[in-house]
C-alpha atoms as a PDB file:
ATOM      1  CA  MET A   1       0.000   0.000   0.000  1.00  0.00           C
ATOM      2  CA  LYS A   2       1.234   3.511  -0.770  1.00  0.00           C
ATOM      3  CA  ALA A   3       0.671   6.984   0.654  1.00  0.00           C
ATOM      4  CA  VAL A   4       0.734   9.688  -2.036  1.00  0.00           C
ATOM      5  CA  LYS A   5       0.750  13.467  -1.627  1.00  0.00           C
ATOM      6  CA  GLY A   6       2.003  15.672  -4.432  1.00  0.00           C
ATOM      7  CA  ASN A   7       5.258  14.153  -5.615  1.00  0.00           C
ATOM      8  CA  LYS A   8       5.848  12.246  -2.350  1.00  0.00           C
ATOM      9  CA  VAL A   9       5.167   8.511  -2.365  1.00  0.00           C
ATOM     10  CA  TYR A  10       5.728   6.302   0.662  1.00  0.00           C
ATOM     11  CA  THR A  11       5.255   2.561   0.971  1.00  0.00           C
ATOM     12  CA  ILE A  12       3.258   1.938   4.147  1.00  0.00           C
ATOM     13  CA  ASP A  13       1.413  -0.841   5.944  1.00  0.00           C
ATOM     14  CA  ASP A  14      -2.029  -0.896   7.557  1.00  0.00           C
ATOM     15  CA  ALA A  15      -0.649   0.364  10.877  1.00  0.00           C
ATOM     16  CA  LEU A  16       0.434   3.678   9.286  1.00  0.00           C
ATOM     17  CA  LYS A  17      -2.602   4.120   7.021  1.00  0.00           C
ATOM     18  CA  LYS A  18      -4.622   6.326   9.413  1.00  0.00           C
ATOM     19  CA  ARG A  19      -1.635   8.520  10.304  1.00  0.00           C
ATOM     20  CA  TYR A  20      -0.806   9.290   6.676  1.00  0.00           C
ATOM     21  CA  GLN A  21      -4.460   9.800   5.797  1.00  0.00           C
ATOM     22  CA  ASP A  22      -4.786  12.316   8.660  1.00  0.00           C
ATOM     23  CA  ASP A  23      -1.728  14.125   7.266  1.00  0.00           C
ATOM     24  CA  GLY A  24      -3.490  14.558   3.903  1.00  0.00           C
ATOM     25  CA  TYR A  25      -2.002  11.663   1.933  1.00  0.00           C
ATOM     26  CA  ASP A  26      -4.156   9.598  -0.422  1.00  0.00           C
ATOM     27  CA  ILE A  27      -3.857   5.895   0.305  1.00  0.00           C
ATOM     28  CA  MET A  28      -3.525   3.621  -2.739  1.00  0.00           C
ATOM     29  CA  ASP A  29      -3.421  -0.141  -3.009  1.00  0.00           C
ATOM     30  CA  ASP A  30      -0.717  -1.974  -4.935  1.00  0.00           C
ATOM     31  CA  SER A  31      -2.770  -1.762  -8.154  1.00  0.00           C
ATOM     32  CA  GLY A  32      -2.925   2.032  -7.968  1.00  0.00           C
ATOM     33  CA  ASN A  33      -6.590   2.263  -6.913  1.00  0.00           C
ATOM     34  CA  VAL A  34      -7.413   4.870  -4.274  1.00  0.00           C
ATOM     35  CA  VAL A  35      -8.399   3.163  -1.020  1.00  0.00           C
ATOM     36  CA  ALA A  36      -8.878   6.362   1.027  1.00  0.00           C
ATOM     37  CA  TYR A  37      -8.521  10.069   0.352  1.00  0.00           C
ATOM     38  CA  GLY A  38      -6.438  12.313   2.579  1.00  0.00           C
ATOM     39  CA  ARG A  39      -8.205  14.505   5.088  1.00  0.00           C
ATOM     40  CA  GLY A  40      -8.238  18.284   4.975  1.00  0.00           C
ATOM     41  CA  LYS A  41      -8.378  18.725   1.224  1.00  0.00           C
ATOM     42  CA  THR A  42     -10.277  21.655  -0.211  1.00  0.00           C
ATOM     43  CA  VAL A  43     -11.652  22.402  -3.647  1.00  0.00           C
ATOM     44  CA  PRO A  44     -10.922  25.821  -5.186  1.00  0.00           C
ATOM     45  CA  TYR A  45     -14.015  28.039  -5.206  1.00  0.00           C
ATOM     46  CA  GLU A  46     -13.902  28.465  -8.997  1.00  0.00           C
ATOM     47  CA  ALA A  47     -14.000  24.699  -9.520  1.00  0.00           C
ATOM     48  CA  TYR A  48     -16.879  24.357  -7.056  1.00  0.00           C
ATOM     49  CA  MET A  49     -18.902  27.078  -8.764  1.00  0.00           C
ATOM     50  CA  ALA A  50     -18.264  25.509 -12.182  1.00  0.00           C
ATOM     51  CA  VAL A  51     -19.760  22.246 -10.928  1.00  0.00           C
ATOM     52  CA  VAL A  52     -22.740  24.057  -9.377  1.00  0.00           C
ATOM     53  CA  LYS A  53     -23.392  25.894 -12.665  1.00  0.00           C
ATOM     54  CA  GLU A  54     -23.157  22.653 -14.640  1.00  0.00           C
ATOM     55  CA  ARG A  55     -25.576  20.972 -12.227  1.00  0.00           C
ATOM     56  CA  ASP A  56     -28.076  23.836 -12.546  1.00  0.00           C
ATOM     57  CA  ASP A  57     -27.829  23.738 -16.351  1.00  0.00           C
ATOM     58  CA  LEU A  58     -28.411  19.987 -16.383  1.00  0.00           C
ATOM     59  CA  LYS A  59     -31.412  20.321 -14.059  1.00  0.00           C
ATOM     60  CA  ALA A  60     -32.900  22.952 -16.364  1.00  0.00           C
ATOM     61  CA  ARG A  61     -32.360  20.710 -19.405  1.00  0.00           C
ATOM     62  CA  LEU A  62     -33.928  17.776 -17.585  1.00  0.00           C
ATOM     63  CA  ASP A  63     -36.960  19.870 -16.650  1.00  0.00           C
ATOM     64  CA  ALA A  64     -37.294  21.078 -20.251  1.00  0.00           C
ATOM     65  CA  LEU A  65     -37.144  17.520 -21.555  1.00  0.00           C
ATOM     66  CA  SER A  66     -39.672  16.180 -19.061  1.00  0.00           C
ATOM     67  CA  GLU A  67     -42.265  18.950 -19.582  1.00  0.00           C
ATOM     68  CA  PRO A  68     -43.638  17.718 -22.949  1.00  0.00           C
ATOM     69  CA  ALA A  69     -43.898  14.166 -21.659  1.00  0.00           C
ATOM     70  CA  GLU A  70     -45.926  15.269 -18.653  1.00  0.00           C
ATOM     71  CA  SER A  71     -48.274  17.497 -20.668  1.00  0.00           C
ATOM     72  CA  SER A  72     -48.930  14.887 -23.370  1.00  0.00           C
ATOM     73  CA  PHE A  73     -49.493  12.254 -20.707  1.00  0.00           C
ATOM     74  CA  SER A  74     -51.968  14.382 -18.810  1.00  0.00           C
ATOM     75  CA  GLU A  75     -53.957  15.172 -21.998  1.00  0.00           C
ATOM     76  CA  GLY A  76     -54.994  11.549 -22.331  1.00  0.00           C
ATOM     77  CA  LYS A  77     -56.409  11.375 -18.799  1.00  0.00           C
ATOM     78  CA  THR A  78     -60.100  11.335 -18.184  1.00  0.00           C
ATOM     79  CA  THR A  79     -61.702  12.277 -14.917  1.00  0.00           C
ATOM     80  CA  ARG A  80     -64.681  10.587 -13.357  1.00  0.00           C
ATOM     81  CA  LYS A  81     -67.290  12.354 -11.349  1.00  0.00           C
ATOM     82  CA  ALA A  82     -68.296  10.819  -8.071  1.00  0.00           C
ATOM     83  CA  LYS A  83     -71.924   9.712  -7.838  1.00  0.00           C
END
């Protein structure tokens, strides 16, 4: 298992995993898959806002695509009056 942070790579065992993770190192298995991400990482505000904008755009597109389906579905409905 490896602890990776920037250009630093350390070979560690399970006993050191938590310590390195607390210090901000990503923990990877021998195949290179991330087992755990380091604590204390932050995302730049610009990147966060780009993701929020993309999410809002996708929600708007989804709403626009689902509107015709709802209106055409509701046109075929008939209502019954209670006796």
